[in-house]
Amino acid sequence: MKRSIHSRLVDQRGSVSIEAAIASTALLLLCALMVAALATLAAYVQAVDIAGAAARAYAIGEAFEAPKGEVEISTSDGMIRSEARVPSPFGTMKASAQFPQEVVHEVQGD
């Protein structure tokens, strides 16, 4: 027994499969966005840490190499300023830190 074209068009069979496929795709996309957002937040925290460590290291005269990303150091009015850039899924995270430069005085003997 053949069904008419009209009854086939208004039939709801298979619509649940399509809705489930769309919903699971949306959930997967949402989870991927959440993971990328957490990775971006972690990159920002890492940029803050790297900027602070670089400024402290240069302030006391030590060399510093960033474990990830890049660091730019500048000196102005006795202050060491560092800017760290760390790549992330949603762009490059930037952070800066500033520390006073340490001045070492030599003690002269008697």
PDB file of N, CA and C in Angstrom:
ATOM      1  N   MET A   1       0.838  -1.170   0.000  1.00  0.00           N
ATOM      2  CA  MET A   1       0.000   0.000   0.000  1.00  0.00           C
ATOM      3  C   MET A   1       0.885   1.237   0.000  1.00  0.00           C
ATOM      4  N   LYS A   2       0.734   2.036  -1.016  1.00  0.00           N
ATOM      5  CA  LYS A   2       1.533   3.244  -1.137  1.00  0.00           C
ATOM      6  C   LYS A   2       0.817   4.396  -0.467  1.00  0.00           C
ATOM      7  N   ARG A   3       1.642   5.210   0.193  1.00  0.00           N
ATOM      8  CA  ARG A   3       1.064   6.396   0.830  1.00  0.00           C
ATOM      9  C   ARG A   3       1.160   7.555  -0.136  1.00  0.00           C
ATOM     10  N   SER A   4       0.255   8.477   0.018  1.00  0.00           N
ATOM     11  CA  SER A   4       0.272   9.630  -0.879  1.00  0.00           C
ATOM     12  C   SER A   4       1.409  10.575  -0.505  1.00  0.00           C
ATOM     13  N   ILE A   5       1.767  11.435  -1.416  1.00  0.00           N
ATOM     14  CA  ILE A   5       2.842  12.402  -1.185  1.00  0.00           C
ATOM     15  C   ILE A   5       2.478  13.334  -0.039  1.00  0.00           C
ATOM     16  N   HIS A   6       1.233  13.730   0.041  1.00  0.00           N
ATOM     17  CA  HIS A   6       0.803  14.636   1.115  1.00  0.00           C
ATOM     18  C   HIS A   6       0.989  13.989   2.485  1.00  0.00           C
ATOM     19  N   SER A   7       0.647  12.725   2.625  1.00  0.00           N
ATOM     20  CA  SER A   7       0.792  12.065   3.931  1.00  0.00           C
ATOM     21  C   SER A   7       2.264  11.883   4.293  1.00  0.00           C
ATOM     22  N   ARG A   8       3.114  11.726   3.301  1.00  0.00           N
ATOM     23  CA  ARG A   8       4.545  11.619   3.580  1.00  0.00           C
ATOM     24  C   ARG A   8       5.125  12.961   4.029  1.00  0.00           C
ATOM     25  N   LEU A   9       4.652  14.057   3.480  1.00  0.00           N
ATOM     26  CA  LEU A   9       5.172  15.377   3.840  1.00  0.00           C
ATOM     27  C   LEU A   9       4.754  15.810   5.238  1.00  0.00           C
ATOM     28  N   VAL A  10       3.580  15.434   5.677  1.00  0.00           N
ATOM     29  CA  VAL A  10       3.117  15.841   7.001  1.00  0.00           C
ATOM     30  C   VAL A  10       3.474  14.818   8.076  1.00  0.00           C
ATOM     31  N   ASP A  11       4.075  13.719   7.683  1.00  0.00           N
ATOM     32  CA  ASP A  11       4.475  12.691   8.640  1.00  0.00           C
ATOM     33  C   ASP A  11       5.622  13.215   9.511  1.00  0.00           C
ATOM     34  N   GLN A  12       5.561  12.960  10.803  1.00  0.00           N
ATOM     35  CA  GLN A  12       6.551  13.457  11.762  1.00  0.00           C
ATOM     36  C   GLN A  12       7.692  12.472  12.009  1.00  0.00           C
ATOM     37  N   ARG A  13       7.658  11.308  11.386  1.00  0.00           N
ATOM     38  CA  ARG A  13       8.703  10.318  11.626  1.00  0.00           C
ATOM     39  C   ARG A  13      10.060  10.856  11.164  1.00  0.00           C
ATOM     40  N   GLY A  14      11.071  10.656  11.999  1.00  0.00           N
ATOM     41  CA  GLY A  14      12.418  11.117  11.671  1.00  0.00           C
ATOM     42  C   GLY A  14      12.741  12.496  12.205  1.00  0.00           C
ATOM     43  N   SER A  15      11.731  13.227  12.637  1.00  0.00           N
ATOM     44  CA  SER A  15      12.001  14.589  13.123  1.00  0.00           C
ATOM     45  C   SER A  15      12.755  14.575  14.447  1.00  0.00           C
ATOM     46  N   VAL A  16      12.546  13.559  15.260  1.00  0.00           N
ATOM     47  CA  VAL A  16      13.270  13.462  16.531  1.00  0.00           C
ATOM     48  C   VAL A  16      14.758  13.248  16.271  1.00  0.00           C
ATOM     49  N   SER A  17      15.088  12.472  15.273  1.00  0.00           N
ATOM     50  CA  SER A  17      16.499  12.247  14.931  1.00  0.00           C
ATOM     51  C   SER A  17      17.171  13.542  14.506  1.00  0.00           C
ATOM     52  N   ILE A  18      16.486  14.330  13.725  1.00  0.00           N
ATOM     53  CA  ILE A  18      17.045  15.607  13.275  1.00  0.00           C
ATOM     54  C   ILE A  18      17.207  16.555  14.454  1.00  0.00           C
ATOM     55  N   GLU A  19      16.204  16.626  15.316  1.00  0.00           N
ATOM     56  CA  GLU A  19      16.294  17.502  16.489  1.00  0.00           C
ATOM     57  C   GLU A  19      17.427  17.063  17.409  1.00  0.00           C
ATOM     58  N   ALA A  20      17.602  15.771  17.588  1.00  0.00           N
ATOM     59  CA  ALA A  20      18.686  15.262  18.437  1.00  0.00           C
ATOM     60  C   ALA A  20      20.046  15.578  17.824  1.00  0.00           C
ATOM     61  N   ALA A  21      20.160  15.476  16.524  1.00  0.00           N
ATOM     62  CA  ALA A  21      21.428  15.789  15.857  1.00  0.00           C
ATOM     63  C   ALA A  21      21.771  17.270  16.014  1.00  0.00           C
ATOM     64  N   ILE A  22      20.794  18.131  15.865  1.00  0.00           N
ATOM     65  CA  ILE A  22      21.024  19.573  16.016  1.00  0.00           C
ATOM     66  C   ILE A  22      21.366  19.904  17.465  1.00  0.00           C
ATOM     67  N   ALA A  23      20.648  19.310  18.404  1.00  0.00           N
ATOM     68  CA  ALA A  23      20.905  19.584  19.825  1.00  0.00           C
ATOM     69  C   ALA A  23      22.280  19.080  20.250  1.00  0.00           C
ATOM     70  N   SER A  24      22.668  17.894  19.807  1.00  0.00           N
ATOM     71  CA  SER A  24      23.983  17.374  20.197  1.00  0.00           C
ATOM     72  C   SER A  24      25.105  18.199  19.571  1.00  0.00           C
ATOM     73  N   THR A  25      24.900  18.689  18.364  1.00  0.00           N
ATOM     74  CA  THR A  25      25.893  19.568  17.740  1.00  0.00           C
ATOM     75  C   THR A  25      26.010  20.874  18.508  1.00  0.00           C
ATOM     76  N   ALA A  26      24.889  21.428  18.923  1.00  0.00           N
ATOM     77  CA  ALA A  26      24.915  22.673  19.698  1.00  0.00           C
ATOM     78  C   ALA A  26      25.601  22.468  21.045  1.00  0.00           C
ATOM     79  N   LEU A  27      25.338  21.344  21.702  1.00  0.00           N
ATOM     80  CA  LEU A  27      25.999  21.055  22.980  1.00  0.00           C
ATOM     81  C   LEU A  27      27.502  20.865  22.807  1.00  0.00           C
ATOM     82  N   LEU A  28      27.893  20.198  21.748  1.00  0.00           N
ATOM     83  CA  LEU A  28      29.315  20.007  21.471  1.00  0.00           C
ATOM     84  C   LEU A  28      29.999  21.352  21.215  1.00  0.00           C
ATOM     85  N   LEU A  29      29.355  22.216  20.465  1.00  0.00           N
ATOM     86  CA  LEU A  29      29.895  23.551  20.200  1.00  0.00           C
ATOM     87  C   LEU A  29      29.995  24.363  21.487  1.00  0.00           C
ATOM     88  N   LEU A  30      28.993  24.274  22.337  1.00  0.00           N
ATOM     89  CA  LEU A  30      29.012  24.980  23.617  1.00  0.00           C
ATOM     90  C   LEU A  30      30.158  24.487  24.499  1.00  0.00           C
ATOM     91  N   CYS A  31      30.358  23.186  24.554  1.00  0.00           N
ATOM     92  CA  CYS A  31      31.471  22.634  25.349  1.00  0.00           C
ATOM     93  C   CYS A  31      32.815  23.086  24.800  1.00  0.00           C
ATOM     94  N   ALA A  32      32.964  23.111  23.484  1.00  0.00           N
ATOM     95  CA  ALA A  32      34.220  23.564  22.876  1.00  0.00           C
ATOM     96  C   ALA A  32      34.476  25.031  23.197  1.00  0.00           C
ATOM     97  N   LEU A  33      33.440  25.856  23.170  1.00  0.00           N
ATOM     98  CA  LEU A  33      33.593  27.272  23.518  1.00  0.00           C
ATOM     99  C   LEU A  33      33.972  27.448  24.982  1.00  0.00           C
ATOM    100  N   MET A  34      33.403  26.629  25.853  1.00  0.00           N
ATOM    101  CA  MET A  34      33.745  26.721  27.276  1.00  0.00           C
ATOM    102  C   MET A  34      35.200  26.329  27.521  1.00  0.00           C
ATOM    103  N   VAL A  35      35.669  25.298  26.853  1.00  0.00           N
ATOM    104  CA  VAL A  35      37.068  24.879  26.995  1.00  0.00           C
ATOM    105  C   VAL A  35      37.998  25.968  26.467  1.00  0.00           C
ATOM    106  N   ALA A  36      37.649  26.565  25.335  1.00  0.00           N
ATOM    107  CA  ALA A  36      38.471  27.643  24.775  1.00  0.00           C
ATOM    108  C   ALA A  36      38.476  28.860  25.694  1.00  0.00           C
ATOM    109  N   ALA A  37      37.339  29.159  26.321  1.00  0.00           N
ATOM    110  CA  ALA A  37      37.283  30.288  27.255  1.00  0.00           C
ATOM    111  C   ALA A  37      38.159  30.026  28.475  1.00  0.00           C
ATOM    112  N   LEU A  38      38.145  28.810  28.990  1.00  0.00           N
ATOM    113  CA  LEU A  38      39.013  28.468  30.126  1.00  0.00           C
ATOM    114  C   LEU A  38      40.487  28.532  29.738  1.00  0.00           C
ATOM    115  N   ALA A  39      40.817  28.095  28.536  1.00  0.00           N
ATOM    116  CA  ALA A  39      42.205  28.173  28.071  1.00  0.00           C
ATOM    117  C   ALA A  39      42.639  29.627  27.909  1.00  0.00           C
ATOM    118  N   THR A  40      41.728  30.489  27.477  1.00  0.00           N
ATOM    119  CA  THR A  40      42.039  31.912  27.351  1.00  0.00           C
ATOM    120  C   THR A  40      42.250  32.534  28.718  1.00  0.00           C
ATOM    121  N   LEU A  41      41.434  32.176  29.677  1.00  0.00           N
ATOM    122  CA  LEU A  41      41.605  32.679  31.043  1.00  0.00           C
ATOM    123  C   LEU A  41      42.930  32.204  31.624  1.00  0.00           C
ATOM    124  N   ALA A  42      43.282  30.959  31.388  1.00  0.00           N
ATOM    125  CA  ALA A  42      44.565  30.436  31.868  1.00  0.00           C
ATOM    126  C   ALA A  42      45.735  31.166  31.213  1.00  0.00           C
ATOM    127  N   ALA A  43      45.603  31.514  29.941  1.00  0.00           N
ATOM    128  CA  ALA A  43      46.664  32.260  29.255  1.00  0.00           C
ATOM    129  C   ALA A  43      46.815  33.655  29.850  1.00  0.00           C
ATOM    130  N   TYR A  44      45.704  34.287  30.238  1.00  0.00           N
ATOM    131  CA  TYR A  44      45.789  35.608  30.858  1.00  0.00           C
ATOM    132  C   TYR A  44      46.491  35.529  32.217  1.00  0.00           C
ATOM    133  N   VAL A  45      46.128  34.539  33.014  1.00  0.00           N
ATOM    134  CA  VAL A  45      46.778  34.363  34.323  1.00  0.00           C
ATOM    135  C   VAL A  45      48.267  34.098  34.127  1.00  0.00           C
ATOM    136  N   GLN A  46      48.605  33.319  33.121  1.00  0.00           N
ATOM    137  CA  GLN A  46      50.008  33.044  32.833  1.00  0.00           C
ATOM    138  C   GLN A  46      50.730  34.315  32.382  1.00  0.00           C
ATOM    139  N   ALA A  47      50.070  35.169  31.599  1.00  0.00           N
ATOM    140  CA  ALA A  47      50.681  36.431  31.166  1.00  0.00           C
ATOM    141  C   ALA A  47      50.944  37.343  32.357  1.00  0.00           C
ATOM    142  N   VAL A  48      50.011  37.397  33.313  1.00  0.00           N
ATOM    143  CA  VAL A  48      50.209  38.205  34.524  1.00  0.00           C
ATOM    144  C   VAL A  48      51.406  37.684  35.310  1.00  0.00           C
ATOM    145  N   ASP A  49      51.499  36.375  35.466  1.00  0.00           N
ATOM    146  CA  ASP A  49      52.609  35.770  36.201  1.00  0.00           C
ATOM    147  C   ASP A  49      53.942  36.028  35.504  1.00  0.00           C
ATOM    148  N   ILE A  50      53.982  35.869  34.196  1.00  0.00           N
ATOM    149  CA  ILE A  50      55.218  36.082  33.440  1.00  0.00           C
ATOM    150  C   ILE A  50      55.648  37.541  33.509  1.00  0.00           C
ATOM    151  N   ALA A  51      54.703  38.472  33.385  1.00  0.00           N
ATOM    152  CA  ALA A  51      55.049  39.895  33.442  1.00  0.00           C
ATOM    153  C   ALA A  51      55.639  40.255  34.797  1.00  0.00           C
ATOM    154  N   GLY A  52      55.039  39.779  35.869  1.00  0.00           N
ATOM    155  CA  GLY A  52      55.553  40.058  37.211  1.00  0.00           C
ATOM    156  C   GLY A  52      56.922  39.454  37.441  1.00  0.00           C
ATOM    157  N   ALA A  53      57.102  38.213  37.021  1.00  0.00           N
ATOM    158  CA  ALA A  53      58.392  37.545  37.204  1.00  0.00           C
ATOM    159  C   ALA A  53      59.485  38.220  36.384  1.00  0.00           C
ATOM    160  N   ALA A  54      59.157  38.643  35.173  1.00  0.00           N
ATOM    161  CA  ALA A  54      60.147  39.304  34.325  1.00  0.00           C
ATOM    162  C   ALA A  54      60.553  40.650  34.911  1.00  0.00           C
ATOM    163  N   ALA A  55      59.582  41.427  35.388  1.00  0.00           N
ATOM    164  CA  ALA A  55      59.901  42.736  35.977  1.00  0.00           C
ATOM    165  C   ALA A  55      60.750  42.569  37.233  1.00  0.00           C
ATOM    166  N   ARG A  56      60.410  41.611  38.081  1.00  0.00           N
ATOM    167  CA  ARG A  56      61.209  41.367  39.293  1.00  0.00           C
ATOM    168  C   ARG A  56      62.625  40.936  38.933  1.00  0.00           C
ATOM    169  N   ALA A  57      62.748  40.022  37.974  1.00  0.00           N
ATOM    170  CA  ALA A  57      64.070  39.521  37.589  1.00  0.00           C
ATOM    171  C   ALA A  57      64.949  40.646  37.046  1.00  0.00           C
ATOM    172  N   TYR A  58      64.412  41.457  36.161  1.00  0.00           N
ATOM    173  CA  TYR A  58      65.204  42.548  35.599  1.00  0.00           C
ATOM    174  C   TYR A  58      65.489  43.625  36.636  1.00  0.00           C
ATOM    175  N   ALA A  59      64.601  43.807  37.599  1.00  0.00           N
ATOM    176  CA  ALA A  59      64.819  44.814  38.645  1.00  0.00           C
ATOM    177  C   ALA A  59      66.016  44.469  39.518  1.00  0.00           C
ATOM    178  N   ILE A  60      66.275  43.182  39.716  1.00  0.00           N
ATOM    179  CA  ILE A  60      67.422  42.792  40.543  1.00  0.00           C
ATOM    180  C   ILE A  60      68.627  42.395  39.697  1.00  0.00           C
ATOM    181  N   GLY A  61      68.513  42.571  38.380  1.00  0.00           N
ATOM    182  CA  GLY A  61      69.648  42.323  37.504  1.00  0.00           C
ATOM    183  C   GLY A  61      69.798  40.900  37.025  1.00  0.00           C
ATOM    184  N   GLU A  62      68.760  40.114  37.113  1.00  0.00           N
ATOM    185  CA  GLU A  62      68.801  38.721  36.660  1.00  0.00           C
ATOM    186  C   GLU A  62      68.217  38.615  35.252  1.00  0.00           C
ATOM    187  N   ALA A  63      68.677  37.619  34.523  1.00  0.00           N
ATOM    188  CA  ALA A  63      68.114  37.350  33.198  1.00  0.00           C
ATOM    189  C   ALA A  63      66.807  36.571  33.368  1.00  0.00           C
ATOM    190  N   PHE A  64      65.895  36.759  32.453  1.00  0.00           N
ATOM    191  CA  PHE A  64      64.608  36.057  32.511  1.00  0.00           C
ATOM    192  C   PHE A  64      64.231  35.631  31.106  1.00  0.00           C
ATOM    193  N   GLU A  65      63.785  34.386  30.992  1.00  0.00           N
ATOM    194  CA  GLU A  65      63.282  33.886  29.723  1.00  0.00           C
ATOM    195  C   GLU A  65      61.873  33.358  29.951  1.00  0.00           C
ATOM    196  N   ALA A  66      60.943  33.865  29.194  1.00  0.00           N
ATOM    197  CA  ALA A  66      59.542  33.472  29.364  1.00  0.00           C
ATOM    198  C   ALA A  66      59.349  32.023  28.928  1.00  0.00           C
ATOM    199  N   PRO A  67      58.629  31.227  29.736  1.00  0.00           N
ATOM    200  CA  PRO A  67      58.372  29.840  29.350  1.00  0.00           C
ATOM    201  C   PRO A  67      57.405  29.725  28.169  1.00  0.00           C
ATOM    202  N   LYS A  68      56.585  30.763  27.980  1.00  0.00           N
ATOM    203  CA  LYS A  68      55.608  30.761  26.895  1.00  0.00           C
ATOM    204  C   LYS A  68      55.356  32.205  26.485  1.00  0.00           C
ATOM    205  N   GLY A  69      55.200  32.458  25.219  1.00  0.00           N
ATOM    206  CA  GLY A  69      54.925  33.816  24.765  1.00  0.00           C
ATOM    207  C   GLY A  69      56.188  34.645  24.686  1.00  0.00           C
ATOM    208  N   GLU A  70      56.018  35.955  24.784  1.00  0.00           N
ATOM    209  CA  GLU A  70      57.157  36.861  24.695  1.00  0.00           C
ATOM    210  C   GLU A  70      57.017  37.986  25.708  1.00  0.00           C
ATOM    211  N   VAL A  71      58.164  38.567  26.079  1.00  0.00           N
ATOM    212  CA  VAL A  71      58.198  39.626  27.086  1.00  0.00           C
ATOM    213  C   VAL A  71      58.973  40.806  26.523  1.00  0.00           C
ATOM    214  N   GLU A  72      58.457  41.993  26.761  1.00  0.00           N
ATOM    215  CA  GLU A  72      59.137  43.226  26.372  1.00  0.00           C
ATOM    216  C   GLU A  72      59.428  44.014  27.642  1.00  0.00           C
ATOM    217  N   ILE A  73      60.675  44.449  27.807  1.00  0.00           N
ATOM    218  CA  ILE A  73      61.107  45.166  29.004  1.00  0.00           C
ATOM    219  C   ILE A  73      61.458  46.597  28.631  1.00  0.00           C
ATOM    220  N   SER A  74      61.050  47.545  29.458  1.00  0.00           N
ATOM    221  CA  SER A  74      61.449  48.944  29.279  1.00  0.00           C
ATOM    222  C   SER A  74      61.774  49.535  30.644  1.00  0.00           C
ATOM    223  N   THR A  75      62.647  50.551  30.645  1.00  0.00           N
ATOM    224  CA  THR A  75      63.059  51.214  31.880  1.00  0.00           C
ATOM    225  C   THR A  75      62.741  52.692  31.762  1.00  0.00           C
ATOM    226  N   SER A  76      62.144  53.248  32.811  1.00  0.00           N
ATOM    227  CA  SER A  76      61.815  54.667  32.815  1.00  0.00           C
ATOM    228  C   SER A  76      61.780  55.167  34.249  1.00  0.00           C
ATOM    229  N   ASP A  77      62.559  56.200  34.543  1.00  0.00           N
ATOM    230  CA  ASP A  77      62.588  56.839  35.863  1.00  0.00           C
ATOM    231  C   ASP A  77      62.823  55.840  36.995  1.00  0.00           C
ATOM    232  N   GLY A  78      63.757  54.934  36.802  1.00  0.00           N
ATOM    233  CA  GLY A  78      64.086  53.971  37.844  1.00  0.00           C
ATOM    234  C   GLY A  78      63.078  52.853  38.017  1.00  0.00           C
ATOM    235  N   MET A  79      62.130  52.756  37.111  1.00  0.00           N
ATOM    236  CA  MET A  79      61.124  51.691  37.175  1.00  0.00           C
ATOM    237  C   MET A  79      61.324  50.741  35.996  1.00  0.00           C
ATOM    238  N   ILE A  80      61.230  49.469  36.279  1.00  0.00           N
ATOM    239  CA  ILE A  80      61.290  48.435  35.241  1.00  0.00           C
ATOM    240  C   ILE A  80      59.854  48.061  34.906  1.00  0.00           C
ATOM    241  N   ARG A  81      59.504  48.163  33.642  1.00  0.00           N
ATOM    242  CA  ARG A  81      58.153  47.812  33.202  1.00  0.00           C
ATOM    243  C   ARG A  81      58.267  46.651  32.213  1.00  0.00           C
ATOM    244  N   SER A  82      57.481  45.632  32.455  1.00  0.00           N
ATOM    245  CA  SER A  82      57.476  44.487  31.536  1.00  0.00           C
ATOM    246  C   SER A  82      56.067  44.280  30.995  1.00  0.00           C
ATOM    247  N   GLU A  83      56.015  43.868  29.751  1.00  0.00           N
ATOM    248  CA  GLU A  83      54.732  43.527  29.140  1.00  0.00           C
ATOM    249  C   GLU A  83      54.868  42.132  28.542  1.00  0.00           C
ATOM    250  N   ALA A  84      54.012  41.240  28.984  1.00  0.00           N
ATOM    251  CA  ALA A  84      54.033  39.854  28.504  1.00  0.00           C
ATOM    252  C   ALA A  84      52.857  39.619  27.575  1.00  0.00           C
ATOM    253  N   ARG A  85      53.104  38.856  26.519  1.00  0.00           N
ATOM    254  CA  ARG A  85      52.061  38.474  25.579  1.00  0.00           C
ATOM    255  C   ARG A  85      52.079  36.951  25.445  1.00  0.00           C
ATOM    256  N   VAL A  86      50.919  36.351  25.681  1.00  0.00           N
ATOM    257  CA  VAL A  86      50.789  34.890  25.622  1.00  0.00           C
ATOM    258  C   VAL A  86      49.651  34.554  24.658  1.00  0.00           C
ATOM    259  N   PRO A  87      49.899  33.674  23.684  1.00  0.00           N
ATOM    260  CA  PRO A  87      48.830  33.311  22.748  1.00  0.00           C
ATOM    261  C   PRO A  87      47.741  32.483  23.432  1.00  0.00           C
ATOM    262  N   SER A  88      46.510  32.671  22.960  1.00  0.00           N
ATOM    263  CA  SER A  88      45.375  31.921  23.507  1.00  0.00           C
ATOM    264  C   SER A  88      44.383  31.643  22.377  1.00  0.00           C
ATOM    265  N   PRO A  89      43.384  30.810  22.618  1.00  0.00           N
ATOM    266  CA  PRO A  89      42.408  30.511  21.567  1.00  0.00           C
ATOM    267  C   PRO A  89      41.627  31.733  21.075  1.00  0.00           C
ATOM    268  N   PHE A  90      41.414  32.729  21.937  1.00  0.00           N
ATOM    269  CA  PHE A  90      40.663  33.919  21.548  1.00  0.00           C
ATOM    270  C   PHE A  90      41.568  35.134  21.429  1.00  0.00           C
ATOM    271  N   GLY A  91      42.747  34.991  20.863  1.00  0.00           N
ATOM    272  CA  GLY A  91      43.652  36.121  20.679  1.00  0.00           C
ATOM    273  C   GLY A  91      44.817  36.071  21.647  1.00  0.00           C
ATOM    274  N   THR A  92      45.609  37.120  21.617  1.00  0.00           N
ATOM    275  CA  THR A  92      46.791  37.197  22.468  1.00  0.00           C
ATOM    276  C   THR A  92      46.441  37.912  23.764  1.00  0.00           C
ATOM    277  N   MET A  93      46.756  37.279  24.886  1.00  0.00           N
ATOM    278  CA  MET A  93      46.522  37.888  26.192  1.00  0.00           C
ATOM    279  C   MET A  93      47.745  38.716  26.573  1.00  0.00           C
ATOM    280  N   LYS A  94      47.496  39.936  27.054  1.00  0.00           N
ATOM    281  CA  LYS A  94      48.579  40.843  27.433  1.00  0.00           C
ATOM    282  C   LYS A  94      48.450  41.211  28.902  1.00  0.00           C
ATOM    283  N   ALA A  95      49.596  41.349  29.557  1.00  0.00           N
ATOM    284  CA  ALA A  95      49.625  41.806  30.947  1.00  0.00           C
ATOM    285  C   ALA A  95      50.920  42.580  31.144  1.00  0.00           C
ATOM    286  N   SER A  96      50.894  43.520  32.081  1.00  0.00           N
ATOM    287  CA  SER A  96      52.107  44.289  32.359  1.00  0.00           C
ATOM    288  C   SER A  96      52.326  44.362  33.864  1.00  0.00           C
ATOM    289  N   ALA A  97      53.584  44.589  34.232  1.00  0.00           N
ATOM    290  CA  ALA A  97      53.956  44.729  35.641  1.00  0.00           C
ATOM    291  C   ALA A  97      55.062  45.766  35.723  1.00  0.00           C
ATOM    292  N   GLN A  98      55.175  46.367  36.892  1.00  0.00           N
ATOM    293  CA  GLN A  98      56.156  47.425  37.095  1.00  0.00           C
ATOM    294  C   GLN A  98      56.801  47.252  38.465  1.00  0.00           C
ATOM    295  N   PHE A  99      58.138  47.322  38.522  1.00  0.00           N
ATOM    296  CA  PHE A  99      58.878  47.211  39.773  1.00  0.00           C
ATOM    297  C   PHE A  99      59.973  48.264  39.793  1.00  0.00           C
ATOM    298  N   PRO A 100      60.313  48.753  40.980  1.00  0.00           N
ATOM    299  CA  PRO A 100      61.438  49.697  41.058  1.00  0.00           C
ATOM    300  C   PRO A 100      62.755  48.956  40.842  1.00  0.00           C
ATOM    301  N   GLN A 101      63.667  49.629  40.175  1.00  0.00           N
ATOM    302  CA  GLN A 101      64.964  49.021  39.912  1.00  0.00           C
ATOM    303  C   GLN A 101      65.789  49.003  41.189  1.00  0.00           C
ATOM    304  N   GLU A 102      66.394  47.869  41.475  1.00  0.00           N
ATOM    305  CA  GLU A 102      67.241  47.729  42.659  1.00  0.00           C
ATOM    306  C   GLU A 102      68.569  48.424  42.404  1.00  0.00           C
ATOM    307  N   VAL A 103      69.022  49.187  43.393  1.00  0.00           N
ATOM    308  CA  VAL A 103      70.316  49.850  43.290  1.00  0.00           C
ATOM    309  C   VAL A 103      71.243  49.174  44.283  1.00  0.00           C
ATOM    310  N   VAL A 104      72.348  48.675  43.785  1.00  0.00           N
ATOM    311  CA  VAL A 104      73.305  47.974  44.633  1.00  0.00           C
ATOM    312  C   VAL A 104      74.412  48.953  45.005  1.00  0.00           C
ATOM    313  N   HIS A 105      74.599  49.166  46.303  1.00  0.00           N
ATOM    314  CA  HIS A 105      75.663  50.041  46.796  1.00  0.00           C
ATOM    315  C   HIS A 105      76.808  49.170  47.273  1.00  0.00           C
ATOM    316  N   GLU A 106      77.990  49.532  46.858  1.00  0.00           N
ATOM    317  CA  GLU A 106      79.163  48.790  47.313  1.00  0.00           C
ATOM    318  C   GLU A 106      79.629  49.369  48.636  1.00  0.00           C
ATOM    319  N   VAL A 107      79.925  48.490  49.559  1.00  0.00           N
ATOM    320  CA  VAL A 107      80.423  48.908  50.870  1.00  0.00           C
ATOM    321  C   VAL A 107      81.938  49.004  50.771  1.00  0.00           C
ATOM    322  N   GLN A 108      82.458  50.175  51.100  1.00  0.00           N
ATOM    323  CA  GLN A 108      83.907  50.366  51.031  1.00  0.00           C
ATOM    324  C   GLN A 108      84.521  49.990  52.366  1.00  0.00           C
ATOM    325  N   GLY A 109      85.579  49.234  52.296  1.00  0.00           N
ATOM    326  CA  GLY A 109      86.254  48.779  53.511  1.00  0.00           C
ATOM    327  C   GLY A 109      87.105  49.871  54.139  1.00  0.00           C
ATOM    328  N   ASP A 110      87.448  49.704  55.416  1.00  0.00           N
ATOM    329  CA  ASP A 110      88.256  50.705  56.144  1.00  0.00           C
ATOM    330  C   ASP A 110      89.670  50.659  55.719  1.00  0.00           C
TER     331      ASP A 110
END
